[in-house]
Each structure stands twice: as C-alpha cells, then as structure tokens.
Amino acid sequence: ESPDLIVMDIRLIGKADGVDAALEIFRETGIRCIFAT
C-alpha cells in the first residue's frame, strides 16, 4: 500500500512485535512510524 506513515502499536499478535515490524518496514521501504503504545 505504500502509506506515508504508520501508527504502530508495539505489542502485536505473534512472535514479532511492532518494533520488529517497524525496523523491517523502514529498512525495506523507508516508511516511518509513530509508536502508539
């Protein structure tokens, strides 16, 4: 979807958390987050 930004919770369903997702997304797309947590 290539959003302009992401509002990211840290606690998520599954093993990986919001920080893991944010790091991967930023590395691969450059999209940044606001952490709401």
All heavy atoms as atom14 arrays in JSON, in Angstrom:
{
  "sequence": "ESPDLIVMDIRLIGKADGVDAALEIFRETGIRCIFAT",
  "atom14_mask": [
    [1, 1, 1, 1, 1, 1, 1, 1, 1, 0, 0, 0, 0, 0],
    [1, 1, 1, 1, 1, 1, 0, 0, 0, 0, 0, 0, 0, 0],
    [1, 1, 1, 1, 1, 1, 1, 0, 0, 0, 0, 0, 0, 0],
    [1, 1, 1, 1, 1, 1, 1, 1, 0, 0, 0, 0, 0, 0],
    [1, 1, 1, 1, 1, 1, 1, 1, 0, 0, 0, 0, 0, 0],
    [1, 1, 1, 1, 1, 1, 1, 1, 0, 0, 0, 0, 0, 0],
    [1, 1, 1, 1, 1, 1, 1, 0, 0, 0, 0, 0, 0, 0],
    [1, 1, 1, 1, 1, 1, 1, 1, 0, 0, 0, 0, 0, 0],
    [1, 1, 1, 1, 1, 1, 1, 1, 0, 0, 0, 0, 0, 0],
    [1, 1, 1, 1, 1, 1, 1, 1, 0, 0, 0, 0, 0, 0],
    [1, 1, 1, 1, 1, 1, 1, 1, 1, 1, 1, 0, 0, 0],
    [1, 1, 1, 1, 1, 1, 1, 1, 0, 0, 0, 0, 0, 0],
    [1, 1, 1, 1, 1, 1, 1, 1, 0, 0, 0, 0, 0, 0],
    [1, 1, 1, 1, 0, 0, 0, 0, 0, 0, 0, 0, 0, 0],
    [1, 1, 1, 1, 1, 1, 1, 1, 1, 0, 0, 0, 0, 0],
    [1, 1, 1, 1, 1, 0, 0, 0, 0, 0, 0, 0, 0, 0],
    [1, 1, 1, 1, 1, 1, 1, 1, 0, 0, 0, 0, 0, 0],
    [1, 1, 1, 1, 0, 0, 0, 0, 0, 0, 0, 0, 0, 0],
    [1, 1, 1, 1, 1, 1, 1, 0, 0, 0, 0, 0, 0, 0],
    [1, 1, 1, 1, 1, 1, 1, 1, 0, 0, 0, 0, 0, 0],
    [1, 1, 1, 1, 1, 0, 0, 0, 0, 0, 0, 0, 0, 0],
    [1, 1, 1, 1, 1, 0, 0, 0, 0, 0, 0, 0, 0, 0],
    [1, 1, 1, 1, 1, 1, 1, 1, 0, 0, 0, 0, 0, 0],
    [1, 1, 1, 1, 1, 1, 1, 1, 1, 0, 0, 0, 0, 0],
    [1, 1, 1, 1, 1, 1, 1, 1, 0, 0, 0, 0, 0, 0],
    [1, 1, 1, 1, 1, 1, 1, 1, 1, 1, 1, 0, 0, 0],
    [1, 1, 1, 1, 1, 1, 1, 1, 1, 1, 1, 0, 0, 0],
    [1, 1, 1, 1, 1, 1, 1, 1, 1, 0, 0, 0, 0, 0],
    [1, 1, 1, 1, 1, 1, 1, 0, 0, 0, 0, 0, 0, 0],
    [1, 1, 1, 1, 0, 0, 0, 0, 0, 0, 0, 0, 0, 0],
    [1, 1, 1, 1, 1, 1, 1, 1, 0, 0, 0, 0, 0, 0],
    [1, 1, 1, 1, 1, 1, 1, 1, 1, 1, 1, 0, 0, 0],
    [1, 1, 1, 1, 1, 1, 0, 0, 0, 0, 0, 0, 0, 0],
    [1, 1, 1, 1, 1, 1, 1, 1, 0, 0, 0, 0, 0, 0],
    [1, 1, 1, 1, 1, 1, 1, 1, 1, 1, 1, 0, 0, 0],
    [1, 1, 1, 1, 1, 0, 0, 0, 0, 0, 0, 0, 0, 0],
    [1, 1, 1, 1, 1, 1, 1, 0, 0, 0, 0, 0, 0, 0]
  ],
  "atom14_positions": [
    [[0.8, -1.23, 0.0], [0.0, 0.0, 0.0], [0.83, 1.28, 0.0], [0.3, 2.36, -0.27], [-0.95, 0.01, 1.2], [-1.98, -1.1, 1.18], [-2.93, -0.98, -0.01], [-3.27, 0.15, -0.41], [-3.34, -2.04, -0.52], [0.0, 0.0, 0.0], [0.0, 0.0, 0.0], [0.0, 0.0, 0.0], [0.0, 0.0, 0.0], [0.0, 0.0, 0.0]],
    [[2.11, 1.2, 0.32], [3.0, 2.36, 0.38], [2.37, 3.56, 1.11], [2.23, 4.63, 0.54], [3.43, 2.79, -1.02], [4.16, 1.78, -1.64], [0.0, 0.0, 0.0], [0.0, 0.0, 0.0], [0.0, 0.0, 0.0], [0.0, 0.0, 0.0], [0.0, 0.0, 0.0], [0.0, 0.0, 0.0], [0.0, 0.0, 0.0], [0.0, 0.0, 0.0]],
    [[2.0, 3.37, 2.39], [1.44, 4.51, 3.13], [2.51, 5.57, 3.36], [3.7, 5.3, 3.23], [1.0, 3.87, 4.45], [1.93, 2.73, 4.62], [2.17, 2.19, 3.23], [0.0, 0.0, 0.0], [0.0, 0.0, 0.0], [0.0, 0.0, 0.0], [0.0, 0.0, 0.0], [0.0, 0.0, 0.0], [0.0, 0.0, 0.0], [0.0, 0.0, 0.0]],
    [[2.07, 6.77, 3.7], [3.02, 7.84, 4.0], [3.62, 7.66, 5.38], [4.78, 8.02, 5.61], [2.3, 9.2, 3.93], [1.83, 9.47, 2.51], [2.68, 9.58, 1.62], [0.6, 9.52, 2.31], [0.0, 0.0, 0.0], [0.0, 0.0, 0.0], [0.0, 0.0, 0.0], [0.0, 0.0, 0.0], [0.0, 0.0, 0.0], [0.0, 0.0, 0.0]],
    [[2.83, 7.11, 6.31], [3.32, 6.84, 7.65], [2.47, 5.74, 8.28], [1.43, 5.38, 7.75], [3.34, 8.11, 8.53], [2.02, 8.79, 8.84], [1.47, 8.32, 10.18], [2.24, 10.29, 8.91], [0.0, 0.0, 0.0], [0.0, 0.0, 0.0], [0.0, 0.0, 0.0], [0.0, 0.0, 0.0], [0.0, 0.0, 0.0], [0.0, 0.0, 0.0]],
    [[2.96, 5.24, 9.4], [2.3, 4.13, 10.09], [2.12, 4.52, 11.56], [3.04, 5.06, 12.18], [3.14, 2.85, 10.0], [3.35, 2.44, 8.54], [2.5, 1.7, 10.81], [4.39, 1.36, 8.32], [0.0, 0.0, 0.0], [0.0, 0.0, 0.0], [0.0, 0.0, 0.0], [0.0, 0.0, 0.0], [0.0, 0.0, 0.0], [0.0, 0.0, 0.0]],
    [[0.93, 4.24, 12.09], [0.72, 4.34, 13.53], [0.85, 2.91, 14.04], [0.06, 2.03, 13.68], [-0.65, 4.94, 13.89], [-0.83, 4.98, 15.4], [-0.8, 6.35, 13.3], [0.0, 0.0, 0.0], [0.0, 0.0, 0.0], [0.0, 0.0, 0.0], [0.0, 0.0, 0.0], [0.0, 0.0, 0.0], [0.0, 0.0, 0.0], [0.0, 0.0, 0.0]],
    [[1.89, 2.66, 14.83], [2.31, 1.3, 15.19], [2.22, 1.04, 16.68], [2.84, 1.75, 17.48], [3.76, 1.12, 14.73], [4.4, -0.2, 15.07], [3.95, -1.54, 13.95], [4.8, -1.06, 12.44], [0.0, 0.0, 0.0], [0.0, 0.0, 0.0], [0.0, 0.0, 0.0], [0.0, 0.0, 0.0], [0.0, 0.0, 0.0], [0.0, 0.0, 0.0]],
    [[1.46, 0.01, 17.05], [1.47, -0.49, 18.42], [2.7, -1.37, 18.56], [3.19, -1.93, 17.57], [0.19, -1.29, 18.69], [0.03, -1.71, 20.13], [0.73, -1.16, 21.01], [-0.81, -2.58, 20.39], [0.0, 0.0, 0.0], [0.0, 0.0, 0.0], [0.0, 0.0, 0.0], [0.0, 0.0, 0.0], [0.0, 0.0, 0.0], [0.0, 0.0, 0.0]],
    [[3.22, -1.52, 19.75], [4.39, -2.38, 19.94], [3.98, -3.82, 20.2], [4.54, -4.74, 19.62], [5.32, -1.83, 21.03], [5.99, -0.57, 20.5], [6.35, -2.88, 21.45], [6.99, 0.07, 21.42], [0.0, 0.0, 0.0], [0.0, 0.0, 0.0], [0.0, 0.0, 0.0], [0.0, 0.0, 0.0], [0.0, 0.0, 0.0], [0.0, 0.0, 0.0]],
    [[3.0, -4.03, 21.05], [2.53, -5.4, 21.33], [1.57, -5.82, 20.22], [0.53, -5.2, 20.04], [1.82, -5.46, 22.67], [2.74, -5.14, 23.81], [2.86, -6.31, 24.7], [3.88, -6.0, 25.7], [3.93, -6.59, 26.84], [3.04, -7.5, 27.16], [4.87, -6.31, 27.69], [0.0, 0.0, 0.0], [0.0, 0.0, 0.0], [0.0, 0.0, 0.0]],
    [[1.94, -6.87, 19.52], [1.12, -7.38, 18.42], [0.89, -8.88, 18.59], [1.56, -9.53, 19.39], [1.81, -7.11, 17.07], [2.08, -5.65, 16.72], [2.89, -5.56, 15.44], [0.78, -4.87, 16.61], [0.0, 0.0, 0.0], [0.0, 0.0, 0.0], [0.0, 0.0, 0.0], [0.0, 0.0, 0.0], [0.0, 0.0, 0.0], [0.0, 0.0, 0.0]],
    [[0.0, -9.42, 17.82], [-0.25, -10.85, 17.8], [0.96, -11.54, 17.17], [1.47, -11.09, 16.15], [-1.52, -11.17, 16.98], [-2.74, -10.47, 17.6], [-1.74, -12.67, 16.88], [-3.95, -10.45, 16.68], [0.0, 0.0, 0.0], [0.0, 0.0, 0.0], [0.0, 0.0, 0.0], [0.0, 0.0, 0.0], [0.0, 0.0, 0.0], [0.0, 0.0, 0.0]],
    [[1.41, -12.64, 17.74], [2.53, -13.4, 17.18], [3.84, -13.12, 17.87], [3.92, -12.38, 18.85], [0.0, 0.0, 0.0], [0.0, 0.0, 0.0], [0.0, 0.0, 0.0], [0.0, 0.0, 0.0], [0.0, 0.0, 0.0], [0.0, 0.0, 0.0], [0.0, 0.0, 0.0], [0.0, 0.0, 0.0], [0.0, 0.0, 0.0], [0.0, 0.0, 0.0]],
    [[4.91, -13.73, 17.33], [6.25, -13.62, 17.94], [6.87, -12.24, 17.74], [7.47, -11.69, 18.64], [7.18, -14.68, 17.36], [6.84, -16.08, 17.8], [7.82, -17.07, 17.21], [7.46, -18.49, 17.62], [8.36, -19.48, 17.04], [0.0, 0.0, 0.0], [0.0, 0.0, 0.0], [0.0, 0.0, 0.0], [0.0, 0.0, 0.0], [0.0, 0.0, 0.0]],
    [[6.78, -11.71, 16.53], [7.38, -10.4, 16.23], [6.49, -9.29, 16.78], [5.27, -9.39, 16.77], [7.57, -10.25, 14.73], [0.0, 0.0, 0.0], [0.0, 0.0, 0.0], [0.0, 0.0, 0.0], [0.0, 0.0, 0.0], [0.0, 0.0, 0.0], [0.0, 0.0, 0.0], [0.0, 0.0, 0.0], [0.0, 0.0, 0.0], [0.0, 0.0, 0.0]],
    [[7.13, -8.23, 17.24], [6.36, -7.11, 17.77], [6.43, -5.91, 16.82], [6.98, -5.99, 15.72], [6.83, -6.74, 19.18], [8.24, -6.18, 19.24], [8.86, -5.91, 18.19], [8.74, -5.99, 20.37], [0.0, 0.0, 0.0], [0.0, 0.0, 0.0], [0.0, 0.0, 0.0], [0.0, 0.0, 0.0], [0.0, 0.0, 0.0], [0.0, 0.0, 0.0]],
    [[5.86, -4.8, 17.25], [5.81, -3.61, 16.42], [7.18, -3.02, 16.12], [7.38, -2.44, 15.05], [0.0, 0.0, 0.0], [0.0, 0.0, 0.0], [0.0, 0.0, 0.0], [0.0, 0.0, 0.0], [0.0, 0.0, 0.0], [0.0, 0.0, 0.0], [0.0, 0.0, 0.0], [0.0, 0.0, 0.0], [0.0, 0.0, 0.0], [0.0, 0.0, 0.0]],
    [[8.11, -3.15, 17.04], [9.46, -2.66, 16.77], [10.09, -3.5, 15.66], [10.7, -2.95, 14.73], [10.34, -2.66, 18.04], [11.78, -2.28, 17.71], [9.77, -1.71, 19.08], [0.0, 0.0, 0.0], [0.0, 0.0, 0.0], [0.0, 0.0, 0.0], [0.0, 0.0, 0.0], [0.0, 0.0, 0.0], [0.0, 0.0, 0.0], [0.0, 0.0, 0.0]],
    [[9.94, -4.82, 15.72], [10.46, -5.68, 14.65], [9.87, -5.27, 13.3], [10.59, -5.14, 12.31], [10.11, -7.15, 14.91], [10.75, -7.71, 16.17], [11.89, -7.33, 16.48], [10.09, -8.54, 16.84], [0.0, 0.0, 0.0], [0.0, 0.0, 0.0], [0.0, 0.0, 0.0], [0.0, 0.0, 0.0], [0.0, 0.0, 0.0], [0.0, 0.0, 0.0]],
    [[8.55, -5.06, 13.28], [7.87, -4.67, 12.03], [8.37, -3.31, 11.56], [8.67, -3.14, 10.37], [6.36, -4.64, 12.25], [0.0, 0.0, 0.0], [0.0, 0.0, 0.0], [0.0, 0.0, 0.0], [0.0, 0.0, 0.0], [0.0, 0.0, 0.0], [0.0, 0.0, 0.0], [0.0, 0.0, 0.0], [0.0, 0.0, 0.0], [0.0, 0.0, 0.0]],
    [[8.47, -2.34, 12.47], [8.91, -1.0, 12.1], [10.33, -1.0, 11.53], [10.61, -0.32, 10.54], [8.84, -0.07, 13.31], [0.0, 0.0, 0.0], [0.0, 0.0, 0.0], [0.0, 0.0, 0.0], [0.0, 0.0, 0.0], [0.0, 0.0, 0.0], [0.0, 0.0, 0.0], [0.0, 0.0, 0.0], [0.0, 0.0, 0.0], [0.0, 0.0, 0.0]],
    [[11.22, -1.78, 12.15], [12.6, -1.86, 11.66], [12.65, -2.46, 10.26], [13.32, -1.93, 9.37], [13.45, -2.69, 12.62], [13.75, -2.03, 13.96], [14.31, -3.06, 14.95], [14.71, -0.86, 13.78], [0.0, 0.0, 0.0], [0.0, 0.0, 0.0], [0.0, 0.0, 0.0], [0.0, 0.0, 0.0], [0.0, 0.0, 0.0], [0.0, 0.0, 0.0]],
    [[11.9, -3.54, 10.03], [11.88, -4.17, 8.71], [11.26, -3.24, 7.67], [11.77, -3.1, 6.55], [11.13, -5.5, 8.76], [11.18, -6.25, 7.45], [10.56, -7.64, 7.51], [10.3, -8.15, 8.63], [10.34, -8.22, 6.44], [0.0, 0.0, 0.0], [0.0, 0.0, 0.0], [0.0, 0.0, 0.0], [0.0, 0.0, 0.0], [0.0, 0.0, 0.0]],
    [[10.16, -2.61, 8.03], [9.48, -1.71, 7.09], [10.4, -0.53, 6.74], [10.54, -0.17, 5.56], [8.15, -1.21, 7.68], [7.14, -2.36, 7.73], [7.6, -0.03, 6.87], [5.91, -2.08, 8.57], [0.0, 0.0, 0.0], [0.0, 0.0, 0.0], [0.0, 0.0, 0.0], [0.0, 0.0, 0.0], [0.0, 0.0, 0.0], [0.0, 0.0, 0.0]],
    [[11.04, 0.05, 7.73], [11.93, 1.19, 7.47], [13.11, 0.77, 6.61], [13.48, 1.47, 5.66], [12.4, 1.82, 8.78], [13.25, 3.04, 8.57], [12.71, 4.2, 8.04], [14.6, 3.02, 8.88], [13.49, 5.33, 7.83], [15.38, 4.14, 8.68], [14.83, 5.3, 8.16], [0.0, 0.0, 0.0], [0.0, 0.0, 0.0], [0.0, 0.0, 0.0]],
    [[13.71, -0.37, 6.91], [14.85, -0.87, 6.13], [14.47, -1.11, 4.67], [15.22, -0.79, 3.77], [15.35, -2.19, 6.73], [16.67, -2.13, 7.41], [17.26, -3.48, 7.79], [16.33, -4.54, 8.11], [15.87, -4.83, 9.32], [16.25, -4.12, 10.35], [15.05, -5.83, 9.51], [0.0, 0.0, 0.0], [0.0, 0.0, 0.0], [0.0, 0.0, 0.0]],
    [[13.29, -1.7, 4.46], [12.91, -2.11, 3.1], [12.15, -1.05, 2.31], [12.16, -1.09, 1.08], [12.08, -3.39, 3.18], [12.91, -4.56, 3.7], [12.17, -5.87, 3.67], [11.18, -6.0, 2.91], [12.59, -6.79, 4.4], [0.0, 0.0, 0.0], [0.0, 0.0, 0.0], [0.0, 0.0, 0.0], [0.0, 0.0, 0.0], [0.0, 0.0, 0.0]],
    [[11.51, -0.1, 3.01], [10.68, 0.88, 2.28], [10.98, 2.33, 2.63], [10.58, 3.23, 1.9], [9.18, 0.64, 2.55], [8.89, 0.97, 3.91], [8.76, -0.78, 2.24], [0.0, 0.0, 0.0], [0.0, 0.0, 0.0], [0.0, 0.0, 0.0], [0.0, 0.0, 0.0], [0.0, 0.0, 0.0], [0.0, 0.0, 0.0], [0.0, 0.0, 0.0]],
    [[11.6, 2.56, 3.78], [11.85, 3.92, 4.23], [10.66, 4.56, 4.92], [10.72, 5.71, 5.34], [0.0, 0.0, 0.0], [0.0, 0.0, 0.0], [0.0, 0.0, 0.0], [0.0, 0.0, 0.0], [0.0, 0.0, 0.0], [0.0, 0.0, 0.0], [0.0, 0.0, 0.0], [0.0, 0.0, 0.0], [0.0, 0.0, 0.0], [0.0, 0.0, 0.0]],
    [[9.56, 3.82, 5.07], [8.36, 4.35, 5.73], [8.6, 4.36, 7.23], [9.07, 3.38, 7.8], [7.12, 3.51, 5.37], [6.89, 3.52, 3.85], [5.88, 4.03, 6.11], [5.87, 2.49, 3.37], [0.0, 0.0, 0.0], [0.0, 0.0, 0.0], [0.0, 0.0, 0.0], [0.0, 0.0, 0.0], [0.0, 0.0, 0.0], [0.0, 0.0, 0.0]],
    [[8.23, 5.49, 7.85], [8.46, 5.67, 9.27], [7.16, 5.56, 10.07], [6.09, 5.66, 9.51], [9.13, 7.03, 9.51], [10.51, 7.06, 8.85], [11.09, 8.45, 8.81], [11.32, 8.95, 10.16], [11.54, 10.24, 10.4], [11.55, 11.14, 9.44], [11.74, 10.65, 11.64], [0.0, 0.0, 0.0], [0.0, 0.0, 0.0], [0.0, 0.0, 0.0]],
    [[7.3, 5.38, 11.37], [6.17, 5.12, 12.26], [6.04, 6.15, 13.37], [7.04, 6.73, 13.81], [6.33, 3.77, 12.96], [6.43, 2.38, 11.87], [0.0, 0.0, 0.0], [0.0, 0.0, 0.0], [0.0, 0.0, 0.0], [0.0, 0.0, 0.0], [0.0, 0.0, 0.0], [0.0, 0.0, 0.0], [0.0, 0.0, 0.0], [0.0, 0.0, 0.0]],
    [[4.82, 6.26, 13.83], [4.53, 6.84, 15.13], [4.21, 5.63, 16.0], [3.35, 4.82, 15.63], [3.29, 7.75, 15.08], [3.55, 8.98, 14.23], [2.84, 8.13, 16.5], [2.28, 9.77, 13.93], [0.0, 0.0, 0.0], [0.0, 0.0, 0.0], [0.0, 0.0, 0.0], [0.0, 0.0, 0.0], [0.0, 0.0, 0.0], [0.0, 0.0, 0.0]],
    [[4.91, 5.48, 17.1], [4.59, 4.38, 18.01], [3.51, 4.84, 18.98], [3.7, 5.82, 19.69], [5.85, 3.92, 18.76], [6.8, 3.13, 17.92], [7.95, 3.72, 17.43], [6.54, 1.81, 17.62], [8.83, 2.99, 16.64], [7.41, 1.08, 16.84], [8.55, 1.67, 16.34], [0.0, 0.0, 0.0], [0.0, 0.0, 0.0], [0.0, 0.0, 0.0]],
    [[2.38, 4.16, 18.97], [1.28, 4.43, 19.89], [1.22, 3.24, 20.84], [0.73, 2.17, 20.48], [-0.03, 4.58, 19.14], [0.0, 0.0, 0.0], [0.0, 0.0, 0.0], [0.0, 0.0, 0.0], [0.0, 0.0, 0.0], [0.0, 0.0, 0.0], [0.0, 0.0, 0.0], [0.0, 0.0, 0.0], [0.0, 0.0, 0.0], [0.0, 0.0, 0.0]],
    [[1.75, 3.4, 22.04], [1.94, 2.25, 22.9], [2.05, 2.62, 24.38], [2.41, 3.74, 24.71], [3.22, 1.5, 22.47], [3.37, 0.32, 23.26], [4.45, 2.37, 22.6], [0.0, 0.0, 0.0], [0.0, 0.0, 0.0], [0.0, 0.0, 0.0], [0.0, 0.0, 0.0], [0.0, 0.0, 0.0], [0.0, 0.0, 0.0], [0.0, 0.0, 0.0]]
  ]
}
